[in-house]
PDB file of N, CA and C in Angstrom:
ATOM      1  N   MET A   1     -51.454 -34.337 -10.945  1.00  0.00           N
ATOM      2  CA  MET A   1     -50.221 -33.909 -11.545  1.00  0.00           C
ATOM      3  C   MET A   1     -49.666 -32.731 -10.749  1.00  0.00           C
ATOM      4  N   LEU A   2     -48.378 -32.826 -10.387  1.00  0.00           N
ATOM      5  CA  LEU A   2     -47.726 -31.787  -9.604  1.00  0.00           C
ATOM      6  C   LEU A   2     -47.013 -30.795 -10.518  1.00  0.00           C
ATOM      7  N   ILE A   3     -47.216 -29.557 -10.214  1.00  0.00           N
ATOM      8  CA  ILE A   3     -46.527 -28.501 -10.953  1.00  0.00           C
ATOM      9  C   ILE A   3     -45.480 -27.902 -10.026  1.00  0.00           C
ATOM     10  N   GLN A   4     -44.270 -27.845 -10.510  1.00  0.00           N
ATOM     11  CA  GLN A   4     -43.203 -27.295  -9.690  1.00  0.00           C
ATOM     12  C   GLN A   4     -43.271 -25.772  -9.748  1.00  0.00           C
ATOM     13  N   LEU A   5     -43.417 -25.175  -8.598  1.00  0.00           N
ATOM     14  CA  LEU A   5     -43.496 -23.731  -8.505  1.00  0.00           C
ATOM     15  C   LEU A   5     -42.090 -23.130  -8.527  1.00  0.00           C
ATOM     16  N   PRO A   6     -41.955 -21.933  -9.053  1.00  0.00           N
ATOM     17  CA  PRO A   6     -40.625 -21.311  -9.048  1.00  0.00           C
ATOM     18  C   PRO A   6     -40.217 -20.949  -7.620  1.00  0.00           C
ATOM     19  N   ARG A   7     -38.932 -20.938  -7.395  1.00  0.00           N
ATOM     20  CA  ARG A   7     -38.431 -20.587  -6.074  1.00  0.00           C
ATOM     21  C   ARG A   7     -38.726 -19.123  -5.784  1.00  0.00           C
ATOM     22  N   LEU A   8     -38.960 -18.823  -4.542  1.00  0.00           N
ATOM     23  CA  LEU A   8     -39.281 -17.465  -4.132  1.00  0.00           C
ATOM     24  C   LEU A   8     -38.133 -16.510  -4.440  1.00  0.00           C
ATOM     25  N   THR A   9     -36.893 -16.952  -4.201  1.00  0.00           N
ATOM     26  CA  THR A   9     -35.746 -16.064  -4.445  1.00  0.00           C
ATOM     27  C   THR A   9     -35.639 -15.717  -5.927  1.00  0.00           C
ATOM     28  N   SER A  10     -35.979 -16.641  -6.795  1.00  0.00           N
ATOM     29  CA  SER A  10     -35.919 -16.364  -8.227  1.00  0.00           C
ATOM     30  C   SER A  10     -36.968 -15.338  -8.630  1.00  0.00           C
ATOM     31  N   SER A  11     -38.124 -15.412  -8.037  1.00  0.00           N
ATOM     32  CA  SER A  11     -39.173 -14.479  -8.420  1.00  0.00           C
ATOM     33  C   SER A  11     -38.960 -13.087  -7.824  1.00  0.00           C
ATOM     34  N   LEU A  12     -38.224 -12.988  -6.727  1.00  0.00           N
ATOM     35  CA  LEU A  12     -37.973 -11.694  -6.119  1.00  0.00           C
ATOM     36  C   LEU A  12     -36.797 -10.955  -6.753  1.00  0.00           C
ATOM     37  N   ARG A  13     -35.907 -11.662  -7.372  1.00  0.00           N
ATOM     38  CA  ARG A  13     -34.740 -11.049  -7.990  1.00  0.00           C
ATOM     39  C   ARG A  13     -35.115 -10.334  -9.273  1.00  0.00           C
ATOM     40  N   ASP A  14     -34.490  -9.163  -9.460  1.00  0.00           N
ATOM     41  CA  ASP A  14     -34.623  -8.475 -10.738  1.00  0.00           C
ATOM     42  C   ASP A  14     -33.708  -9.160 -11.737  1.00  0.00           C
ATOM     43  N   PRO A  15     -34.058  -9.072 -12.985  1.00  0.00           N
ATOM     44  CA  PRO A  15     -33.119  -9.616 -13.971  1.00  0.00           C
ATOM     45  C   PRO A  15     -31.797  -8.852 -13.867  1.00  0.00           C
ATOM     46  N   CYS A  16     -30.734  -9.590 -13.769  1.00  0.00           N
ATOM     47  CA  CYS A  16     -29.425  -8.972 -13.563  1.00  0.00           C
ATOM     48  C   CYS A  16     -28.439  -9.516 -14.583  1.00  0.00           C
ATOM     49  N   ASP A  17     -27.711  -8.601 -15.208  1.00  0.00           N
ATOM     50  CA  ASP A  17     -26.672  -8.999 -16.138  1.00  0.00           C
ATOM     51  C   ASP A  17     -25.374  -9.157 -15.340  1.00  0.00           C
ATOM     52  N   VAL A  18     -25.006 -10.389 -15.093  1.00  0.00           N
ATOM     53  CA  VAL A  18     -23.847 -10.679 -14.249  1.00  0.00           C
ATOM     54  C   VAL A  18     -22.568 -10.157 -14.891  1.00  0.00           C
ATOM     55  N   ASP A  19     -22.445 -10.297 -16.182  1.00  0.00           N
ATOM     56  CA  ASP A  19     -21.240  -9.818 -16.865  1.00  0.00           C
ATOM     57  C   ASP A  19     -21.101  -8.302 -16.731  1.00  0.00           C
ATOM     58  N   GLN A  20     -22.191  -7.590 -16.874  1.00  0.00           N
ATOM     59  CA  GLN A  20     -22.168  -6.136 -16.750  1.00  0.00           C
ATOM     60  C   GLN A  20     -21.803  -5.727 -15.314  1.00  0.00           C
ATOM     61  N   ALA A  21     -22.365  -6.422 -14.340  1.00  0.00           N
ATOM     62  CA  ALA A  21     -22.055  -6.132 -12.944  1.00  0.00           C
ATOM     63  C   ALA A  21     -20.572  -6.393 -12.660  1.00  0.00           C
ATOM     64  N   TYR A  22     -20.026  -7.469 -13.228  1.00  0.00           N
ATOM     65  CA  TYR A  22     -18.613  -7.781 -13.060  1.00  0.00           C
ATOM     66  C   TYR A  22     -17.743  -6.674 -13.643  1.00  0.00           C
ATOM     67  N   LEU A  23     -18.074  -6.208 -14.840  1.00  0.00           N
ATOM     68  CA  LEU A  23     -17.283  -5.159 -15.483  1.00  0.00           C
ATOM     69  C   LEU A  23     -17.341  -3.849 -14.693  1.00  0.00           C
ATOM     70  N   ARG A  24     -18.524  -3.504 -14.161  1.00  0.00           N
ATOM     71  CA  ARG A  24     -18.647  -2.289 -13.350  1.00  0.00           C
ATOM     72  C   ARG A  24     -17.796  -2.397 -12.089  1.00  0.00           C
ATOM     73  N   ARG A  25     -17.873  -3.539 -11.432  1.00  0.00           N
ATOM     74  CA  ARG A  25     -17.099  -3.734 -10.199  1.00  0.00           C
ATOM     75  C   ARG A  25     -15.599  -3.719 -10.488  1.00  0.00           C
ATOM     76  N   LYS A  26     -15.200  -4.314 -11.580  1.00  0.00           N
ATOM     77  CA  LYS A  26     -13.790  -4.334 -11.955  1.00  0.00           C
ATOM     78  C   LYS A  26     -13.281  -2.912 -12.212  1.00  0.00           C
ATOM     79  N   ALA A  27     -14.086  -2.089 -12.883  1.00  0.00           N
ATOM     80  CA  ALA A  27     -13.691  -0.700 -13.148  1.00  0.00           C
ATOM     81  C   ALA A  27     -13.588   0.099 -11.848  1.00  0.00           C
ATOM     82  N   ILE A  28     -14.531  -0.104 -10.941  1.00  0.00           N
ATOM     83  CA  ILE A  28     -14.504   0.601  -9.649  1.00  0.00           C
ATOM     84  C   ILE A  28     -13.264   0.208  -8.862  1.00  0.00           C
ATOM     85  N   LEU A  29     -12.961  -1.078  -8.800  1.00  0.00           N
ATOM     86  CA  LEU A  29     -11.784  -1.537  -8.060  1.00  0.00           C
ATOM     87  C   LEU A  29     -10.487  -1.036  -8.687  1.00  0.00           C
ATOM     88  N   HIS A  30     -10.453  -0.983 -10.010  1.00  0.00           N
ATOM     89  CA  HIS A  30      -9.263  -0.479 -10.700  1.00  0.00           C
ATOM     90  C   HIS A  30      -9.044   1.003 -10.380  1.00  0.00           C
ATOM     91  N   ASN A  31     -10.116   1.783 -10.424  1.00  0.00           N
ATOM     92  CA  ASN A  31     -10.008   3.211 -10.097  1.00  0.00           C
ATOM     93  C   ASN A  31      -9.582   3.415  -8.651  1.00  0.00           C
ATOM     94  N   ARG A  32     -10.108   2.602  -7.765  1.00  0.00           N
ATOM     95  CA  ARG A  32      -9.770   2.707  -6.347  1.00  0.00           C
ATOM     96  C   ARG A  32      -8.302   2.350  -6.128  1.00  0.00           C
ATOM     97  N   SER A  33      -7.818   1.304  -6.769  1.00  0.00           N
ATOM     98  CA  SER A  33      -6.423   0.903  -6.579  1.00  0.00           C
ATOM     99  C   SER A  33      -5.469   1.909  -7.217  1.00  0.00           C
ATOM    100  N   THR A  34      -5.865   2.506  -8.344  1.00  0.00           N
ATOM    101  CA  THR A  34      -5.027   3.516  -8.976  1.00  0.00           C
ATOM    102  C   THR A  34      -4.918   4.746  -8.089  1.00  0.00           C
ATOM    103  N   ALA A  35      -6.023   5.155  -7.484  1.00  0.00           N
ATOM    104  CA  ALA A  35      -6.008   6.319  -6.600  1.00  0.00           C
ATOM    105  C   ALA A  35      -5.160   6.052  -5.360  1.00  0.00           C
ATOM    106  N   ASN A  36      -5.152   4.824  -4.863  1.00  0.00           N
ATOM    107  CA  ASN A  36      -4.364   4.486  -3.678  1.00  0.00           C
ATOM    108  C   ASN A  36      -2.892   4.290  -3.999  1.00  0.00           C
ATOM    109  N   SER A  37      -2.564   3.902  -5.223  1.00  0.00           N
ATOM    110  CA  SER A  37      -1.175   3.591  -5.537  1.00  0.00           C
ATOM    111  C   SER A  37      -0.340   4.839  -5.791  1.00  0.00           C
ATOM    112  N   LEU A  38      -0.957   5.940  -6.201  1.00  0.00           N
ATOM    113  CA  LEU A  38      -0.189   7.150  -6.473  1.00  0.00           C
ATOM    114  C   LEU A  38       0.517   7.691  -5.230  1.00  0.00           C
ATOM    115  N   PRO A  39      -0.164   7.846  -4.093  1.00  0.00           N
ATOM    116  CA  PRO A  39       0.573   8.302  -2.901  1.00  0.00           C
ATOM    117  C   PRO A  39       1.642   7.307  -2.454  1.00  0.00           C
ATOM    118  N   ARG A  40       1.382   6.023  -2.622  1.00  0.00           N
ATOM    119  CA  ARG A  40       2.378   5.017  -2.241  1.00  0.00           C
ATOM    120  C   ARG A  40       3.618   5.143  -3.115  1.00  0.00           C
ATOM    121  N   LEU A  41       3.413   5.394  -4.398  1.00  0.00           N
ATOM    122  CA  LEU A  41       4.530   5.547  -5.314  1.00  0.00           C
ATOM    123  C   LEU A  41       5.330   6.800  -4.974  1.00  0.00           C
ATOM    124  N   GLU A  42       4.651   7.875  -4.598  1.00  0.00           N
ATOM    125  CA  GLU A  42       5.346   9.095  -4.193  1.00  0.00           C
ATOM    126  C   GLU A  42       6.203   8.838  -2.956  1.00  0.00           C
ATOM    127  N   LEU A  43       5.651   8.113  -1.998  1.00  0.00           N
ATOM    128  CA  LEU A  43       6.408   7.784  -0.786  1.00  0.00           C
ATOM    129  C   LEU A  43       7.625   6.935  -1.134  1.00  0.00           C
ATOM    130  N   ALA A  44       7.437   5.956  -1.999  1.00  0.00           N
ATOM    131  CA  ALA A  44       8.557   5.092  -2.394  1.00  0.00           C
ATOM    132  C   ALA A  44       9.647   5.903  -3.076  1.00  0.00           C
ATOM    133  N   ARG A  45       9.258   6.824  -3.939  1.00  0.00           N
ATOM    134  CA  ARG A  45      10.255   7.651  -4.639  1.00  0.00           C
ATOM    135  C   ARG A  45      10.931   8.641  -3.696  1.00  0.00           C
ATOM    136  N   THR A  46      10.249   9.038  -2.633  1.00  0.00           N
ATOM    137  CA  THR A  46      10.859   9.946  -1.663  1.00  0.00           C
ATOM    138  C   THR A  46      11.903   9.221  -0.831  1.00  0.00           C
ATOM    139  N   ILE A  47      11.598   8.014  -0.426  1.00  0.00           N
ATOM    140  CA  ILE A  47      12.518   7.259   0.433  1.00  0.00           C
ATOM    141  C   ILE A  47      13.633   6.617  -0.384  1.00  0.00           C
ATOM    142  N   VAL A  48      13.287   5.991  -1.501  1.00  0.00           N
ATOM    143  CA  VAL A  48      14.280   5.348  -2.379  1.00  0.00           C
ATOM    144  C   VAL A  48      14.438   6.264  -3.587  1.00  0.00           C
ATOM    145  N   HIS A  49      15.563   6.959  -3.655  1.00  0.00           N
ATOM    146  CA  HIS A  49      15.733   8.020  -4.634  1.00  0.00           C
ATOM    147  C   HIS A  49      15.621   7.539  -6.077  1.00  0.00           C
ATOM    148  N   GLN A  50      16.100   6.371  -6.395  1.00  0.00           N
ATOM    149  CA  GLN A  50      15.987   5.836  -7.756  1.00  0.00           C
ATOM    150  C   GLN A  50      15.061   4.625  -7.742  1.00  0.00           C
ATOM    151  N   TRP A  51      13.818   4.851  -7.364  1.00  0.00           N
ATOM    152  CA  TRP A  51      12.847   3.772  -7.189  1.00  0.00           C
ATOM    153  C   TRP A  51      12.640   2.974  -8.472  1.00  0.00           C
ATOM    154  N   ASP A  52      12.586   3.647  -9.601  1.00  0.00           N
ATOM    155  CA  ASP A  52      12.304   2.955 -10.862  1.00  0.00           C
ATOM    156  C   ASP A  52      13.420   1.987 -11.250  1.00  0.00           C
ATOM    157  N   GLU A  53      14.657   2.280 -10.833  1.00  0.00           N
ATOM    158  CA  GLU A  53      15.783   1.407 -11.138  1.00  0.00           C
ATOM    159  C   GLU A  53      16.204   0.552  -9.947  1.00  0.00           C
ATOM    160  N   ALA A  54      15.442   0.568  -8.891  1.00  0.00           N
ATOM    161  CA  ALA A  54      15.822  -0.136  -7.662  1.00  0.00           C
ATOM    162  C   ALA A  54      15.818  -1.649  -7.868  1.00  0.00           C
ATOM    163  N   SER A  55      16.728  -2.309  -7.174  1.00  0.00           N
ATOM    164  CA  SER A  55      16.823  -3.764  -7.273  1.00  0.00           C
ATOM    165  C   SER A  55      15.692  -4.423  -6.491  1.00  0.00           C
ATOM    166  N   VAL A  56      15.553  -5.708  -6.673  1.00  0.00           N
ATOM    167  CA  VAL A  56      14.522  -6.478  -5.988  1.00  0.00           C
ATOM    168  C   VAL A  56      14.749  -6.428  -4.481  1.00  0.00           C
ATOM    169  N   GLU A  57      16.008  -6.486  -4.055  1.00  0.00           N
ATOM    170  CA  GLU A  57      16.320  -6.455  -2.633  1.00  0.00           C
ATOM    171  C   GLU A  57      15.920  -5.124  -1.999  1.00  0.00           C
ATOM    172  N   VAL A  58      16.162  -4.030  -2.714  1.00  0.00           N
ATOM    173  CA  VAL A  58      15.797  -2.707  -2.198  1.00  0.00           C
ATOM    174  C   VAL A  58      14.288  -2.581  -2.102  1.00  0.00           C
ATOM    175  N   ARG A  59      13.576  -3.046  -3.113  1.00  0.00           N
ATOM    176  CA  ARG A  59      12.114  -2.990  -3.094  1.00  0.00           C
ATOM    177  C   ARG A  59      11.550  -3.849  -1.966  1.00  0.00           C
ATOM    178  N   GLN A  60      12.170  -5.004  -1.731  1.00  0.00           N
ATOM    179  CA  GLN A  60      11.721  -5.873  -0.643  1.00  0.00           C
ATOM    180  C   GLN A  60      11.966  -5.211   0.710  1.00  0.00           C
ATOM    181  N   ALA A  61      13.113  -4.571   0.856  1.00  0.00           N
ATOM    182  CA  ALA A  61      13.409  -3.866   2.110  1.00  0.00           C
ATOM    183  C   ALA A  61      12.414  -2.723   2.323  1.00  0.00           C
ATOM    184  N   TYR A  62      12.053  -2.026   1.254  1.00  0.00           N
ATOM    185  CA  TYR A  62      11.058  -0.953   1.364  1.00  0.00           C
ATOM    186  C   TYR A  62       9.705  -1.516   1.789  1.00  0.00           C
ATOM    187  N   LYS A  63       9.306  -2.644   1.202  1.00  0.00           N
ATOM    188  CA  LYS A  63       8.028  -3.263   1.584  1.00  0.00           C
ATOM    189  C   LYS A  63       8.043  -3.686   3.048  1.00  0.00           C
ATOM    190  N   GLN A  64       9.167  -4.193   3.521  1.00  0.00           N
ATOM    191  CA  GLN A  64       9.285  -4.571   4.932  1.00  0.00           C
ATOM    192  C   GLN A  64       9.198  -3.335   5.819  1.00  0.00           C
ATOM    193  N   PHE A  65       9.817  -2.242   5.390  1.00  0.00           N
ATOM    194  CA  PHE A  65       9.747  -0.992   6.144  1.00  0.00           C
ATOM    195  C   PHE A  65       8.306  -0.493   6.233  1.00  0.00           C
ATOM    196  N   VAL A  66       7.593  -0.505   5.117  1.00  0.00           N
ATOM    197  CA  VAL A  66       6.193  -0.066   5.102  1.00  0.00           C
ATOM    198  C   VAL A  66       5.357  -0.978   5.996  1.00  0.00           C
ATOM    199  N   GLY A  67       5.614  -2.270   5.948  1.00  0.00           N
ATOM    200  CA  GLY A  67       4.898  -3.204   6.816  1.00  0.00           C
ATOM    201  C   GLY A  67       5.143  -2.920   8.290  1.00  0.00           C
ATOM    202  N   ALA A  68       6.379  -2.565   8.630  1.00  0.00           N
ATOM    203  CA  ALA A  68       6.696  -2.236  10.018  1.00  0.00           C
ATOM    204  C   ALA A  68       5.993  -0.952  10.460  1.00  0.00           C
ATOM    205  N   VAL A  69       5.912   0.024   9.552  1.00  0.00           N
ATOM    206  CA  VAL A  69       5.218   1.270   9.892  1.00  0.00           C
ATOM    207  C   VAL A  69       3.718   1.012  10.043  1.00  0.00           C
ATOM    208  N   VAL A  70       3.165   0.149   9.212  1.00  0.00           N
ATOM    209  CA  VAL A  70       1.744  -0.203   9.337  1.00  0.00           C
ATOM    210  C   VAL A  70       1.488  -0.828  10.702  1.00  0.00           C
ATOM    211  N   GLU A  71       2.368  -1.715  11.138  1.00  0.00           N
ATOM    212  CA  GLU A  71       2.225  -2.318  12.468  1.00  0.00           C
ATOM    213  C   GLU A  71       2.377  -1.264  13.566  1.00  0.00           C
ATOM    214  N   LEU A  72       3.263  -0.299  13.338  1.00  0.00           N
ATOM    215  CA  LEU A  72       3.492   0.749  14.322  1.00  0.00           C
ATOM    216  C   LEU A  72       2.237   1.587  14.559  1.00  0.00           C
ATOM    217  N   VAL A  73       1.512   1.900  13.478  1.00  0.00           N
ATOM    218  CA  VAL A  73       0.312   2.748  13.602  1.00  0.00           C
ATOM    219  C   VAL A  73      -0.961   1.914  13.651  1.00  0.00           C
ATOM    220  N   ASP A  74      -0.849   0.618  13.742  1.00  0.00           N
ATOM    221  CA  ASP A  74      -1.983  -0.303  13.774  1.00  0.00           C
ATOM    222  C   ASP A  74      -2.847  -0.224  12.530  1.00  0.00           C
ATOM    223  N   GLY A  75      -2.316   0.277  11.431  1.00  0.00           N
ATOM    224  CA  GLY A  75      -3.035   0.312  10.166  1.00  0.00           C
ATOM    225  C   GLY A  75      -4.274   1.172  10.153  1.00  0.00           C
ATOM    226  N   GLU A  76      -4.458   2.042  11.126  1.00  0.00           N
ATOM    227  CA  GLU A  76      -5.690   2.819  11.245  1.00  0.00           C
ATOM    228  C   GLU A  76      -5.399   4.297  11.073  1.00  0.00           C
ATOM    229  N   VAL A  77      -4.848   4.663   9.919  1.00  0.00           N
ATOM    230  CA  VAL A  77      -4.492   6.048   9.679  1.00  0.00           C
ATOM    231  C   VAL A  77      -4.724   6.356   8.197  1.00  0.00           C
ATOM    232  N   ALA A  78      -5.052   7.612   7.900  1.00  0.00           N
ATOM    233  CA  ALA A  78      -5.292   8.023   6.520  1.00  0.00           C
ATOM    234  C   ALA A  78      -3.979   7.984   5.735  1.00  0.00           C
ATOM    235  N   THR A  79      -4.088   7.956   4.416  1.00  0.00           N
ATOM    236  CA  THR A  79      -2.924   7.806   3.553  1.00  0.00           C
ATOM    237  C   THR A  79      -1.922   8.937   3.747  1.00  0.00           C
ATOM    238  N   ASP A  80      -2.407  10.183   3.774  1.00  0.00           N
ATOM    239  CA  ASP A  80      -1.477  11.298   3.925  1.00  0.00           C
ATOM    240  C   ASP A  80      -0.814  11.295   5.299  1.00  0.00           C
ATOM    241  N   GLU A  81      -1.544  10.901   6.320  1.00  0.00           N
ATOM    242  CA  GLU A  81      -0.955  10.790   7.652  1.00  0.00           C
ATOM    243  C   GLU A  81       0.052   9.641   7.696  1.00  0.00           C
ATOM    244  N   PHE A  82      -0.252   8.554   6.997  1.00  0.00           N
ATOM    245  CA  PHE A  82       0.671   7.428   6.943  1.00  0.00           C
ATOM    246  C   PHE A  82       1.981   7.846   6.290  1.00  0.00           C
ATOM    247  N   GLN A  83       1.888   8.623   5.205  1.00  0.00           N
ATOM    248  CA  GLN A  83       3.104   9.100   4.542  1.00  0.00           C
ATOM    249  C   GLN A  83       3.949   9.941   5.490  1.00  0.00           C
ATOM    250  N   GLU A  84       3.280  10.804   6.247  1.00  0.00           N
ATOM    251  CA  GLU A  84       3.991  11.659   7.191  1.00  0.00           C
ATOM    252  C   GLU A  84       4.680  10.826   8.266  1.00  0.00           C
ATOM    253  N   VAL A  85       3.975   9.837   8.801  1.00  0.00           N
ATOM    254  CA  VAL A  85       4.559   8.969   9.833  1.00  0.00           C
ATOM    255  C   VAL A  85       5.718   8.175   9.255  1.00  0.00           C
ATOM    256  N   ALA A  86       5.543   7.633   8.058  1.00  0.00           N
ATOM    257  CA  ALA A  86       6.598   6.827   7.437  1.00  0.00           C
ATOM    258  C   ALA A  86       7.845   7.671   7.182  1.00  0.00           C
ATOM    259  N   LEU A  87       7.665   8.885   6.689  1.00  0.00           N
ATOM    260  CA  LEU A  87       8.823   9.747   6.449  1.00  0.00           C
ATOM    261  C   LEU A  87       9.508  10.140   7.757  1.00  0.00           C
ATOM    262  N   THR A  88       8.721  10.382   8.794  1.00  0.00           N
ATOM    263  CA  THR A  88       9.302  10.720  10.092  1.00  0.00           C
ATOM    264  C   THR A  88      10.121   9.556  10.643  1.00  0.00           C
ATOM    265  N   VAL A  89       9.569   8.358  10.557  1.00  0.00           N
ATOM    266  CA  VAL A  89      10.290   7.169  11.034  1.00  0.00           C
ATOM    267  C   VAL A  89      11.551   6.954  10.202  1.00  0.00           C
ATOM    268  N   TYR A  90      11.430   7.121   8.893  1.00  0.00           N
ATOM    269  CA  TYR A  90      12.599   6.937   8.024  1.00  0.00           C
ATOM    270  C   TYR A  90      13.689   7.945   8.367  1.00  0.00           C
ATOM    271  N   ARG A  91      13.300   9.210   8.521  1.00  0.00           N
ATOM    272  CA  ARG A  91      14.286  10.249   8.849  1.00  0.00           C
ATOM    273  C   ARG A  91      14.901  10.010  10.227  1.00  0.00           C
ATOM    274  N   LEU A  92      14.095   9.513  11.147  1.00  0.00           N
ATOM    275  CA  LEU A  92      14.596   9.216  12.482  1.00  0.00           C
ATOM    276  C   LEU A  92      15.714   8.172  12.419  1.00  0.00           C
ATOM    277  N   PHE A  93      15.448   7.082  11.713  1.00  0.00           N
ATOM    278  CA  PHE A  93      16.453   6.024  11.625  1.00  0.00           C
ATOM    279  C   PHE A  93      17.574   6.373  10.675  1.00  0.00           C
ATOM    280  N   ALA A  94      17.288   7.110   9.618  1.00  0.00           N
ATOM    281  CA  ALA A  94      18.353   7.533   8.701  1.00  0.00           C
ATOM    282  C   ALA A  94      19.296   8.485   9.417  1.00  0.00           C
ATOM    283  N   GLY A  95      18.754   9.353  10.277  1.00  0.00           N
ATOM    284  CA  GLY A  95      19.592  10.258  11.060  1.00  0.00           C
ATOM    285  C   GLY A  95      20.479   9.506  12.032  1.00  0.00           C
ATOM    286  N   SER A  96      19.938   8.480  12.676  1.00  0.00           N
ATOM    287  CA  SER A  96      20.749   7.716  13.623  1.00  0.00           C
ATOM    288  C   SER A  96      21.828   6.921  12.892  1.00  0.00           C
ATOM    289  N   LEU A  97      21.552   6.481  11.667  1.00  0.00           N
ATOM    290  CA  LEU A  97      22.575   5.779  10.895  1.00  0.00           C
ATOM    291  C   LEU A  97      23.687   6.731  10.475  1.00  0.00           C
ATOM    292  N   GLN A  98      23.313   7.954  10.066  1.00  0.00           N
ATOM    293  CA  GLN A  98      24.322   8.931   9.666  1.00  0.00           C
ATOM    294  C   GLN A  98      25.189   9.330  10.855  1.00  0.00           C
ATOM    295  N   GLU A  99      24.576   9.499  12.032  1.00  0.00           N
ATOM    296  CA  GLU A  99      25.344   9.832  13.223  1.00  0.00           C
ATOM    297  C   GLU A  99      26.312   8.698  13.555  1.00  0.00           C
ATOM    298  N   HIS A 100      25.854   7.449  13.397  1.00  0.00           N
ATOM    299  CA  HIS A 100      26.719   6.302  13.666  1.00  0.00           C
ATOM    300  C   HIS A 100      27.887   6.271  12.683  1.00  0.00           C
ATOM    301  N   GLU A 101      27.625   6.559  11.408  1.00  0.00           N
ATOM    302  CA  GLU A 101      28.694   6.595  10.419  1.00  0.00           C
ATOM    303  C   GLU A 101      29.667   7.746  10.715  1.00  0.00           C
ATOM    304  N   ASP A 102      29.138   8.881  11.154  1.00  0.00           N
ATOM    305  CA  ASP A 102      29.999  10.001  11.506  1.00  0.00           C
ATOM    306  C   ASP A 102      30.904   9.642  12.680  1.00  0.00           C
ATOM    307  N   ASP A 103      30.370   8.945  13.681  1.00  0.00           N
ATOM    308  CA  ASP A 103      31.157   8.533  14.831  1.00  0.00           C
ATOM    309  C   ASP A 103      32.268   7.577  14.416  1.00  0.00           C
ATOM    310  N   SER A 104      31.960   6.630  13.521  1.00  0.00           N
ATOM    311  CA  SER A 104      32.987   5.692  13.095  1.00  0.00           C
ATOM    312  C   SER A 104      34.018   6.388  12.231  1.00  0.00           C
ATOM    313  N   GLY A 105      33.612   7.393  11.477  1.00  0.00           N
ATOM    314  CA  GLY A 105      34.557   8.152  10.673  1.00  0.00           C
ATOM    315  C   GLY A 105      35.529   8.925  11.521  1.00  0.00           C
ATOM    316  N   VAL A 106      35.054   9.479  12.634  1.00  0.00           N
ATOM    317  CA  VAL A 106      35.924  10.227  13.554  1.00  0.00           C
ATOM    318  C   VAL A 106      36.943   9.273  14.163  1.00  0.00           C
ATOM    319  N   GLY A 107      36.515   8.089  14.530  1.00  0.00           N
ATOM    320  CA  GLY A 107      37.417   7.104  15.123  1.00  0.00           C
ATOM    321  C   GLY A 107      38.498   6.670  14.151  1.00  0.00           C
ATOM    322  N   GLU A 108      38.190   6.589  12.886  1.00  0.00           N
ATOM    323  CA  GLU A 108      39.158   6.182  11.893  1.00  0.00           C
ATOM    324  C   GLU A 108      40.208   7.268  11.645  1.00  0.00           C
ATOM    325  N   LYS A 109      39.794   8.528  11.739  1.00  0.00           N
ATOM    326  CA  LYS A 109      40.716   9.627  11.465  1.00  0.00           C
ATOM    327  C   LYS A 109      41.764   9.775  12.564  1.00  0.00           C
ATOM    328  N   LYS A 110      41.431   9.395  13.800  1.00  0.00           N
ATOM    329  CA  LYS A 110      42.377   9.566  14.908  1.00  0.00           C
ATOM    330  C   LYS A 110      43.426   8.547  14.846  1.00  0.00           C
TER     331      LYS A 110
END
């Protein structure tokens, strides 16, 4: 008569409560995402003055801008440094847009 022996992996494993492990991991990920979203929200509110009331198109344009900045820095920068780079890039292009509008305004007045 053959007796089936337990698998080695089963005997080496400690009893583990999978549901408890899932809940712990979910809480850790939630805390991590909350900590990461606060600086992002501050950046969004700095660039888009009425972020909470912004339209879908404005939010999409902001996401595209952030994606372009991520590509610019190769995604390898700390959050606070990323905010600084993003604001610098935004101010750079916002300044060039204002200068362009000023130039067209001068042309219209003449």
